[in-house]
Amino acid sequence: MDSPEPGSPTQERLLDDLRQVIENAEELLKNTDQYHGALYQAARDKLAQALASATEELARFEDMQIDRMIELTAIASRLHRDLTGEARVLRAFRREP
């Protein structure tokens, strides 16, 4: 199965959706800690486990995005022969006709 290009709008939307699901799940866990029945506890344990997996996966994707950004910056710096950070910044804001 093909995956979206890193940094694509589809991937960004999926990551934002995953962040929202994680936040909602964390809120649900906080708001249900007063229920102590076996069924509630089993459901909470399952949700906590899924939440931990989702959080790890999100961190992995974010790390991949950062690595890709660093790689692309290094490629652009070599291509444009940017020797300093200042040169990179000035090139980034240069207005080309």
PDB file of N, CA and C in Angstrom:
ATOM      1  N   MET A   1       0.836  -1.176   0.000  1.00  0.00           N
ATOM      2  CA  MET A   1       0.000   0.000   0.000  1.00  0.00           C
ATOM      3  C   MET A   1       0.883   1.242   0.000  1.00  0.00           C
ATOM      4  N   ASP A   2       0.553   2.196  -0.841  1.00  0.00           N
ATOM      5  CA  ASP A   2       1.321   3.429  -0.907  1.00  0.00           C
ATOM      6  C   ASP A   2       1.000   4.306   0.279  1.00  0.00           C
ATOM      7  N   SER A   3       2.024   4.941   0.817  1.00  0.00           N
ATOM      8  CA  SER A   3       1.802   5.864   1.930  1.00  0.00           C
ATOM      9  C   SER A   3       1.916   7.278   1.409  1.00  0.00           C
ATOM     10  N   PRO A   4       1.217   8.219   2.062  1.00  0.00           N
ATOM     11  CA  PRO A   4       1.304   9.604   1.613  1.00  0.00           C
ATOM     12  C   PRO A   4       2.728  10.130   1.737  1.00  0.00           C
ATOM     13  N   GLU A   5       3.082  11.049   0.862  1.00  0.00           N
ATOM     14  CA  GLU A   5       4.388  11.700   0.904  1.00  0.00           C
ATOM     15  C   GLU A   5       4.540  12.423   2.245  1.00  0.00           C
ATOM     16  N   PRO A   6       5.712  12.322   2.899  1.00  0.00           N
ATOM     17  CA  PRO A   6       5.903  13.027   4.174  1.00  0.00           C
ATOM     18  C   PRO A   6       5.585  14.512   4.031  1.00  0.00           C
ATOM     19  N   GLY A   7       4.812  15.027   4.959  1.00  0.00           N
ATOM     20  CA  GLY A   7       4.473  16.438   4.948  1.00  0.00           C
ATOM     21  C   GLY A   7       3.296  16.775   4.052  1.00  0.00           C
ATOM     22  N   SER A   8       2.677  15.768   3.443  1.00  0.00           N
ATOM     23  CA  SER A   8       1.546  16.042   2.559  1.00  0.00           C
ATOM     24  C   SER A   8       0.339  16.465   3.394  1.00  0.00           C
ATOM     25  N   PRO A   9      -0.617  17.175   2.758  1.00  0.00           N
ATOM     26  CA  PRO A   9      -1.818  17.596   3.500  1.00  0.00           C
ATOM     27  C   PRO A   9      -2.575  16.408   4.088  1.00  0.00           C
ATOM     28  N   THR A  10      -2.615  15.298   3.372  1.00  0.00           N
ATOM     29  CA  THR A  10      -3.307  14.104   3.879  1.00  0.00           C
ATOM     30  C   THR A  10      -2.637  13.593   5.137  1.00  0.00           C
ATOM     31  N   GLN A  11      -1.315  13.517   5.110  1.00  0.00           N
ATOM     32  CA  GLN A  11      -0.580  13.033   6.273  1.00  0.00           C
ATOM     33  C   GLN A  11      -0.731  13.997   7.447  1.00  0.00           C
ATOM     34  N   GLU A  12      -0.654  15.283   7.176  1.00  0.00           N
ATOM     35  CA  GLU A  12      -0.825  16.273   8.244  1.00  0.00           C
ATOM     36  C   GLU A  12      -2.213  16.150   8.862  1.00  0.00           C
ATOM     37  N   ARG A  13      -3.225  15.966   8.030  1.00  0.00           N
ATOM     38  CA  ARG A  13      -4.593  15.832   8.535  1.00  0.00           C
ATOM     39  C   ARG A  13      -4.730  14.572   9.391  1.00  0.00           C
ATOM     40  N   LEU A  14      -4.113  13.472   8.941  1.00  0.00           N
ATOM     41  CA  LEU A  14      -4.162  12.234   9.717  1.00  0.00           C
ATOM     42  C   LEU A  14      -3.464  12.387  11.066  1.00  0.00           C
ATOM     43  N   LEU A  15      -2.321  13.054  11.071  1.00  0.00           N
ATOM     44  CA  LEU A  15      -1.606  13.273  12.332  1.00  0.00           C
ATOM     45  C   LEU A  15      -2.404  14.176  13.264  1.00  0.00           C
ATOM     46  N   ASP A  16      -3.032  15.210  12.712  1.00  0.00           N
ATOM     47  CA  ASP A  16      -3.878  16.077  13.542  1.00  0.00           C
ATOM     48  C   ASP A  16      -5.058  15.297  14.112  1.00  0.00           C
ATOM     49  N   ASP A  17      -5.657  14.431  13.290  1.00  0.00           N
ATOM     50  CA  ASP A  17      -6.765  13.601  13.764  1.00  0.00           C
ATOM     51  C   ASP A  17      -6.299  12.660  14.874  1.00  0.00           C
ATOM     52  N   LEU A  18      -5.121  12.074  14.703  1.00  0.00           N
ATOM     53  CA  LEU A  18      -4.581  11.172  15.725  1.00  0.00           C
ATOM     54  C   LEU A  18      -4.321  11.926  17.027  1.00  0.00           C
ATOM     55  N   ARG A  19      -3.779  13.139  16.927  1.00  0.00           N
ATOM     56  CA  ARG A  19      -3.562  13.953  18.138  1.00  0.00           C
ATOM     57  C   ARG A  19      -4.884  14.218  18.851  1.00  0.00           C
ATOM     58  N   GLN A  20      -5.935  14.517  18.080  1.00  0.00           N
ATOM     59  CA  GLN A  20      -7.250  14.793  18.669  1.00  0.00           C
ATOM     60  C   GLN A  20      -7.830  13.544  19.341  1.00  0.00           C
ATOM     61  N   VAL A  21      -7.685  12.397  18.711  1.00  0.00           N
ATOM     62  CA  VAL A  21      -8.170  11.144  19.303  1.00  0.00           C
ATOM     63  C   VAL A  21      -7.430  10.862  20.604  1.00  0.00           C
ATOM     64  N   ILE A  22      -6.126  11.087  20.611  1.00  0.00           N
ATOM     65  CA  ILE A  22      -5.332  10.865  21.828  1.00  0.00           C
ATOM     66  C   ILE A  22      -5.806  11.795  22.942  1.00  0.00           C
ATOM     67  N   GLU A  23      -6.010  13.069  22.616  1.00  0.00           N
ATOM     68  CA  GLU A  23      -6.486  14.022  23.627  1.00  0.00           C
ATOM     69  C   GLU A  23      -7.851  13.609  24.167  1.00  0.00           C
ATOM     70  N   ASN A  24      -8.753  13.192  23.287  1.00  0.00           N
ATOM     71  CA  ASN A  24     -10.086  12.767  23.721  1.00  0.00           C
ATOM     72  C   ASN A  24     -10.019  11.518  24.588  1.00  0.00           C
ATOM     73  N   ALA A  25      -9.167  10.581  24.221  1.00  0.00           N
ATOM     74  CA  ALA A  25      -9.022   9.359  25.011  1.00  0.00           C
ATOM     75  C   ALA A  25      -8.449   9.663  26.389  1.00  0.00           C
ATOM     76  N   GLU A  26      -7.469  10.567  26.450  1.00  0.00           N
ATOM     77  CA  GLU A  26      -6.909  10.956  27.750  1.00  0.00           C
ATOM     78  C   GLU A  26      -7.985  11.595  28.623  1.00  0.00           C
ATOM     79  N   GLU A  27      -8.803  12.448  28.026  1.00  0.00           N
ATOM     80  CA  GLU A  27      -9.889  13.103  28.763  1.00  0.00           C
ATOM     81  C   GLU A  27     -10.906  12.072  29.261  1.00  0.00           C
ATOM     82  N   LEU A  28     -11.224  11.115  28.417  1.00  0.00           N
ATOM     83  CA  LEU A  28     -12.162  10.064  28.806  1.00  0.00           C
ATOM     84  C   LEU A  28     -11.620   9.247  29.978  1.00  0.00           C
ATOM     85  N   LEU A  29     -10.352   8.911  29.935  1.00  0.00           N
ATOM     86  CA  LEU A  29      -9.745   8.175  31.046  1.00  0.00           C
ATOM     87  C   LEU A  29      -9.805   8.981  32.342  1.00  0.00           C
ATOM     88  N   LYS A  30      -9.518  10.278  32.252  1.00  0.00           N
ATOM     89  CA  LYS A  30      -9.573  11.126  33.446  1.00  0.00           C
ATOM     90  C   LYS A  30     -10.988  11.203  34.014  1.00  0.00           C
ATOM     91  N   ASN A  31     -11.968  11.300  33.134  1.00  0.00           N
ATOM     92  CA  ASN A  31     -13.344  11.501  33.572  1.00  0.00           C
ATOM     93  C   ASN A  31     -14.067  10.219  33.989  1.00  0.00           C
ATOM     94  N   THR A  32     -13.435   9.067  33.825  1.00  0.00           N
ATOM     95  CA  THR A  32     -14.089   7.811  34.200  1.00  0.00           C
ATOM     96  C   THR A  32     -13.359   7.075  35.316  1.00  0.00           C
ATOM     97  N   ASP A  33     -12.407   7.733  35.978  1.00  0.00           N
ATOM     98  CA  ASP A  33     -11.643   7.036  37.017  1.00  0.00           C
ATOM     99  C   ASP A  33     -12.463   6.747  38.268  1.00  0.00           C
ATOM    100  N   GLN A  34     -13.654   7.324  38.387  1.00  0.00           N
ATOM    101  CA  GLN A  34     -14.485   7.057  39.557  1.00  0.00           C
ATOM    102  C   GLN A  34     -15.273   5.747  39.429  1.00  0.00           C
ATOM    103  N   TYR A  35     -15.300   5.142  38.232  1.00  0.00           N
ATOM    104  CA  TYR A  35     -16.017   3.877  38.036  1.00  0.00           C
ATOM    105  C   TYR A  35     -15.080   2.724  38.332  1.00  0.00           C
ATOM    106  N   HIS A  36     -15.561   1.796  39.208  1.00  0.00           N
ATOM    107  CA  HIS A  36     -14.671   0.744  39.683  1.00  0.00           C
ATOM    108  C   HIS A  36     -15.126  -0.655  39.314  1.00  0.00           C
ATOM    109  N   GLY A  37     -16.200  -0.810  38.562  1.00  0.00           N
ATOM    110  CA  GLY A  37     -16.664  -2.140  38.178  1.00  0.00           C
ATOM    111  C   GLY A  37     -15.664  -2.844  37.274  1.00  0.00           C
ATOM    112  N   ALA A  38     -15.766  -4.177  37.231  1.00  0.00           N
ATOM    113  CA  ALA A  38     -14.840  -4.983  36.434  1.00  0.00           C
ATOM    114  C   ALA A  38     -14.922  -4.624  34.956  1.00  0.00           C
ATOM    115  N   LEU A  39     -16.138  -4.407  34.442  1.00  0.00           N
ATOM    116  CA  LEU A  39     -16.290  -4.056  33.035  1.00  0.00           C
ATOM    117  C   LEU A  39     -15.672  -2.692  32.731  1.00  0.00           C
ATOM    118  N   TYR A  40     -15.903  -1.742  33.617  1.00  0.00           N
ATOM    119  CA  TYR A  40     -15.320  -0.416  33.432  1.00  0.00           C
ATOM    120  C   TYR A  40     -13.793  -0.495  33.458  1.00  0.00           C
ATOM    121  N   GLN A  41     -13.272  -1.238  34.416  1.00  0.00           N
ATOM    122  CA  GLN A  41     -11.813  -1.333  34.540  1.00  0.00           C
ATOM    123  C   GLN A  41     -11.205  -2.021  33.323  1.00  0.00           C
ATOM    124  N   ALA A  42     -11.860  -3.062  32.827  1.00  0.00           N
ATOM    125  CA  ALA A  42     -11.351  -3.759  31.644  1.00  0.00           C
ATOM    126  C   ALA A  42     -11.351  -2.816  30.438  1.00  0.00           C
ATOM    127  N   ALA A  43     -12.424  -2.055  30.288  1.00  0.00           N
ATOM    128  CA  ALA A  43     -12.512  -1.113  29.174  1.00  0.00           C
ATOM    129  C   ALA A  43     -11.464  -0.012  29.316  1.00  0.00           C
ATOM    130  N   ARG A  44     -11.279   0.484  30.535  1.00  0.00           N
ATOM    131  CA  ARG A  44     -10.281   1.530  30.776  1.00  0.00           C
ATOM    132  C   ARG A  44      -8.867   1.005  30.511  1.00  0.00           C
ATOM    133  N   ASP A  45      -8.599  -0.226  30.922  1.00  0.00           N
ATOM    134  CA  ASP A  45      -7.281  -0.817  30.682  1.00  0.00           C
ATOM    135  C   ASP A  45      -7.010  -0.956  29.184  1.00  0.00           C
ATOM    136  N   LYS A  46      -8.025  -1.401  28.454  1.00  0.00           N
ATOM    137  CA  LYS A  46      -7.896  -1.543  27.002  1.00  0.00           C
ATOM    138  C   LYS A  46      -7.647  -0.188  26.343  1.00  0.00           C
ATOM    139  N   LEU A  47      -8.401   0.817  26.789  1.00  0.00           N
ATOM    140  CA  LEU A  47      -8.236   2.157  26.241  1.00  0.00           C
ATOM    141  C   LEU A  47      -6.856   2.712  26.578  1.00  0.00           C
ATOM    142  N   ALA A  48      -6.400   2.498  27.782  1.00  0.00           N
ATOM    143  CA  ALA A  48      -5.078   2.985  28.186  1.00  0.00           C
ATOM    144  C   ALA A  48      -3.982   2.330  27.347  1.00  0.00           C
ATOM    145  N   GLN A  49      -4.132   1.048  27.062  1.00  0.00           N
ATOM    146  CA  GLN A  49      -3.149   0.343  26.244  1.00  0.00           C
ATOM    147  C   GLN A  49      -3.169   0.879  24.811  1.00  0.00           C
ATOM    148  N   ALA A  50      -4.358   1.069  24.249  1.00  0.00           N
ATOM    149  CA  ALA A  50      -4.460   1.620  22.891  1.00  0.00           C
ATOM    150  C   ALA A  50      -3.916   3.040  22.842  1.00  0.00           C
ATOM    151  N   LEU A  51      -4.165   3.803  23.889  1.00  0.00           N
ATOM    152  CA  LEU A  51      -3.671   5.180  23.969  1.00  0.00           C
ATOM    153  C   LEU A  51      -2.144   5.201  23.996  1.00  0.00           C
ATOM    154  N   ALA A  52      -1.541   4.308  24.750  1.00  0.00           N
ATOM    155  CA  ALA A  52      -0.079   4.239  24.801  1.00  0.00           C
ATOM    156  C   ALA A  52       0.495   3.886  23.428  1.00  0.00           C
ATOM    157  N   SER A  53      -0.128   2.947  22.744  1.00  0.00           N
ATOM    158  CA  SER A  53       0.334   2.566  21.402  1.00  0.00           C
ATOM    159  C   SER A  53       0.188   3.723  20.422  1.00  0.00           C
ATOM    160  N   ALA A  54      -0.943   4.412  20.474  1.00  0.00           N
ATOM    161  CA  ALA A  54      -1.185   5.541  19.575  1.00  0.00           C
ATOM    162  C   ALA A  54      -0.185   6.664  19.840  1.00  0.00           C
ATOM    163  N   THR A  55       0.100   6.917  21.100  1.00  0.00           N
ATOM    164  CA  THR A  55       1.049   7.968  21.464  1.00  0.00           C
ATOM    165  C   THR A  55       2.449   7.626  20.958  1.00  0.00           C
ATOM    166  N   GLU A  56       2.850   6.368  21.085  1.00  0.00           N
ATOM    167  CA  GLU A  56       4.150   5.934  20.570  1.00  0.00           C
ATOM    168  C   GLU A  56       4.209   6.070  19.054  1.00  0.00           C
ATOM    169  N   GLU A  57       3.135   5.687  18.380  1.00  0.00           N
ATOM    170  CA  GLU A  57       3.092   5.776  16.919  1.00  0.00           C
ATOM    171  C   GLU A  57       3.152   7.232  16.456  1.00  0.00           C
ATOM    172  N   LEU A  58       2.440   8.110  17.144  1.00  0.00           N
ATOM    173  CA  LEU A  58       2.470   9.530  16.817  1.00  0.00           C
ATOM    174  C   LEU A  58       3.888  10.083  16.981  1.00  0.00           C
ATOM    175  N   ALA A  59       4.547   9.729  18.054  1.00  0.00           N
ATOM    176  CA  ALA A  59       5.923  10.181  18.281  1.00  0.00           C
ATOM    177  C   ALA A  59       6.845   9.674  17.171  1.00  0.00           C
ATOM    178  N   ARG A  60       6.635   8.441  16.746  1.00  0.00           N
ATOM    179  CA  ARG A  60       7.448   7.866  15.665  1.00  0.00           C
ATOM    180  C   ARG A  60       7.243   8.650  14.367  1.00  0.00           C
ATOM    181  N   PHE A  61       5.992   8.950  14.037  1.00  0.00           N
ATOM    182  CA  PHE A  61       5.704   9.715  12.821  1.00  0.00           C
ATOM    183  C   PHE A  61       6.285  11.122  12.903  1.00  0.00           C
ATOM    184  N   GLU A  62       6.164  11.749  14.067  1.00  0.00           N
ATOM    185  CA  GLU A  62       6.721  13.095  14.223  1.00  0.00           C
ATOM    186  C   GLU A  62       8.242  13.071  14.078  1.00  0.00           C
ATOM    187  N   ASP A  63       8.889  12.049  14.633  1.00  0.00           N
ATOM    188  CA  ASP A  63      10.338  11.911  14.486  1.00  0.00           C
ATOM    189  C   ASP A  63      10.723  11.720  13.017  1.00  0.00           C
ATOM    190  N   MET A  64       9.923  10.932  12.285  1.00  0.00           N
ATOM    191  CA  MET A  64      10.180  10.726  10.859  1.00  0.00           C
ATOM    192  C   MET A  64      10.058  12.043  10.099  1.00  0.00           C
ATOM    193  N   GLN A  65       9.067  12.850  10.442  1.00  0.00           N
ATOM    194  CA  GLN A  65       8.897  14.145   9.788  1.00  0.00           C
ATOM    195  C   GLN A  65      10.094  15.053  10.055  1.00  0.00           C
ATOM    196  N   ILE A  66      10.551  15.089  11.284  1.00  0.00           N
ATOM    197  CA  ILE A  66      11.701  15.924  11.635  1.00  0.00           C
ATOM    198  C   ILE A  66      12.946  15.450  10.886  1.00  0.00           C
ATOM    199  N   ASP A  67      13.159  14.125  10.861  1.00  0.00           N
ATOM    200  CA  ASP A  67      14.311  13.588  10.137  1.00  0.00           C
ATOM    201  C   ASP A  67      14.251  13.955   8.659  1.00  0.00           C
ATOM    202  N   ARG A  68      13.070  13.882   8.082  1.00  0.00           N
ATOM    203  CA  ARG A  68      12.898  14.224   6.660  1.00  0.00           C
ATOM    204  C   ARG A  68      13.166  15.719   6.426  1.00  0.00           C
ATOM    205  N   MET A  69      12.695  16.559   7.332  1.00  0.00           N
ATOM    206  CA  MET A  69      12.942  18.001   7.205  1.00  0.00           C
ATOM    207  C   MET A  69      14.441  18.306   7.289  1.00  0.00           C
ATOM    208  N   ILE A  70      15.132  17.651   8.197  1.00  0.00           N
ATOM    209  CA  ILE A  70      16.576  17.850   8.339  1.00  0.00           C
ATOM    210  C   ILE A  70      17.289  17.399   7.070  1.00  0.00           C
ATOM    211  N   GLU A  71      16.883  16.252   6.546  1.00  0.00           N
ATOM    212  CA  GLU A  71      17.481  15.728   5.317  1.00  0.00           C
ATOM    213  C   GLU A  71      17.267  16.696   4.148  1.00  0.00           C
ATOM    214  N   LEU A  72      16.041  17.186   3.988  1.00  0.00           N
ATOM    215  CA  LEU A  72      15.747  18.110   2.890  1.00  0.00           C
ATOM    216  C   LEU A  72      16.489  19.439   3.044  1.00  0.00           C
ATOM    217  N   THR A  73      16.635  19.904   4.286  1.00  0.00           N
ATOM    218  CA  THR A  73      17.391  21.131   4.533  1.00  0.00           C
ATOM    219  C   THR A  73      18.858  20.945   4.160  1.00  0.00           C
ATOM    220  N   ALA A  74      19.423  19.808   4.505  1.00  0.00           N
ATOM    221  CA  ALA A  74      20.820  19.532   4.166  1.00  0.00           C
ATOM    222  C   ALA A  74      21.008  19.454   2.654  1.00  0.00           C
ATOM    223  N   ILE A  75      20.068  18.821   1.964  1.00  0.00           N
ATOM    224  CA  ILE A  75      20.144  18.723   0.503  1.00  0.00           C
ATOM    225  C   ILE A  75      20.078  20.117  -0.119  1.00  0.00           C
ATOM    226  N   ALA A  76      19.131  20.934   0.344  1.00  0.00           N
ATOM    227  CA  ALA A  76      18.986  22.299  -0.190  1.00  0.00           C
ATOM    228  C   ALA A  76      20.231  23.127   0.104  1.00  0.00           C
ATOM    229  N   SER A  77      20.805  22.962   1.276  1.00  0.00           N
ATOM    230  CA  SER A  77      22.008  23.718   1.632  1.00  0.00           C
ATOM    231  C   SER A  77      23.174  23.350   0.720  1.00  0.00           C
ATOM    232  N   ARG A  78      23.328  22.059   0.412  1.00  0.00           N
ATOM    233  CA  ARG A  78      24.399  21.639  -0.500  1.00  0.00           C
ATOM    234  C   ARG A  78      24.122  22.150  -1.915  1.00  0.00           C
ATOM    235  N   LEU A  79      22.884  22.055  -2.346  1.00  0.00           N
ATOM    236  CA  LEU A  79      22.507  22.492  -3.688  1.00  0.00           C
ATOM    237  C   LEU A  79      22.779  23.974  -3.897  1.00  0.00           C
ATOM    238  N   HIS A  80      22.455  24.785  -2.890  1.00  0.00           N
ATOM    239  CA  HIS A  80      22.611  26.235  -2.997  1.00  0.00           C
ATOM    240  C   HIS A  80      23.922  26.731  -2.394  1.00  0.00           C
ATOM    241  N   ARG A  81      24.744  25.799  -1.943  1.00  0.00           N
ATOM    242  CA  ARG A  81      26.048  26.111  -1.359  1.00  0.00           C
ATOM    243  C   ARG A  81      25.939  27.089  -0.183  1.00  0.00           C
ATOM    244  N   ASP A  82      24.934  26.863   0.647  1.00  0.00           N
ATOM    245  CA  ASP A  82      24.763  27.682   1.855  1.00  0.00           C
ATOM    246  C   ASP A  82      25.802  27.236   2.881  1.00  0.00           C
ATOM    247  N   LEU A  83      26.691  28.124   3.228  1.00  0.00           N
ATOM    248  CA  LEU A  83      27.750  27.772   4.165  1.00  0.00           C
ATOM    249  C   LEU A  83      27.409  28.134   5.604  1.00  0.00           C
ATOM    250  N   THR A  84      26.410  28.993   5.788  1.00  0.00           N
ATOM    251  CA  THR A  84      26.050  29.420   7.148  1.00  0.00           C
ATOM    252  C   THR A  84      24.541  29.359   7.324  1.00  0.00           C
ATOM    253  N   GLY A  85      24.125  29.393   8.558  1.00  0.00           N
ATOM    254  CA  GLY A  85      22.702  29.463   8.864  1.00  0.00           C
ATOM    255  C   GLY A  85      22.086  30.741   8.331  1.00  0.00           C
ATOM    256  N   GLU A  86      22.865  31.811   8.379  1.00  0.00           N
ATOM    257  CA  GLU A  86      22.387  33.102   7.865  1.00  0.00           C
ATOM    258  C   GLU A  86      22.079  32.993   6.370  1.00  0.00           C
ATOM    259  N   ALA A  87      22.933  32.319   5.626  1.00  0.00           N
ATOM    260  CA  ALA A  87      22.708  32.150   4.186  1.00  0.00           C
ATOM    261  C   ALA A  87      21.424  31.363   3.931  1.00  0.00           C
ATOM    262  N   ARG A  88      21.166  30.350   4.761  1.00  0.00           N
ATOM    263  CA  ARG A  88      19.939  29.564   4.612  1.00  0.00           C
ATOM    264  C   ARG A  88      18.705  30.413   4.856  1.00  0.00           C
ATOM    265  N   VAL A  89      18.752  31.229   5.903  1.00  0.00           N
ATOM    266  CA  VAL A  89      17.613  32.080   6.234  1.00  0.00           C
ATOM    267  C   VAL A  89      17.374  33.107   5.135  1.00  0.00           C
ATOM    268  N   LEU A  90      18.441  33.739   4.683  1.00  0.00           N
ATOM    269  CA  LEU A  90      18.300  34.747   3.629  1.00  0.00           C
ATOM    270  C   LEU A  90      17.748  34.119   2.347  1.00  0.00           C
ATOM    271  N   ARG A  91      18.192  32.911   2.006  1.00  0.00           N
ATOM    272  CA  ARG A  91      17.660  32.234   0.812  1.00  0.00           C
ATOM    273  C   ARG A  91      16.192  31.894   1.003  1.00  0.00           C
ATOM    274  N   ALA A  92      15.816  31.502   2.200  1.00  0.00           N
ATOM    275  CA  ALA A  92      14.420  31.131   2.468  1.00  0.00           C
ATOM    276  C   ALA A  92      13.478  32.308   2.279  1.00  0.00           C
ATOM    277  N   PHE A  93      13.953  33.509   2.564  1.00  0.00           N
ATOM    278  CA  PHE A  93      13.097  34.686   2.473  1.00  0.00           C
ATOM    279  C   PHE A  93      13.344  35.534   1.217  1.00  0.00           C
ATOM    280  N   ARG A  94      14.221  35.051   0.344  1.00  0.00           N
ATOM    281  CA  ARG A  94      14.501  35.773  -0.891  1.00  0.00           C
ATOM    282  C   ARG A  94      13.276  35.724  -1.796  1.00  0.00           C
ATOM    283  N   ARG A  95      12.949  36.856  -2.356  1.00  0.00           N
ATOM    284  CA  ARG A  95      11.809  36.919  -3.289  1.00  0.00           C
ATOM    285  C   ARG A  95      12.331  36.752  -4.694  1.00  0.00           C
ATOM    286  N   GLU A  96      11.897  35.685  -5.314  1.00  0.00           N
ATOM    287  CA  GLU A  96      12.294  35.411  -6.698  1.00  0.00           C
ATOM    288  C   GLU A  96      11.204  35.917  -7.637  1.00  0.00           C
ATOM    289  N   PRO A  97      11.593  36.552  -8.745  1.00  0.00           N
ATOM    290  CA  PRO A  97      10.565  37.043  -9.695  1.00  0.00           C
ATOM    291  C   PRO A  97       9.865  35.917 -10.414  1.00  0.00           C
TER     292      PRO A  97
END
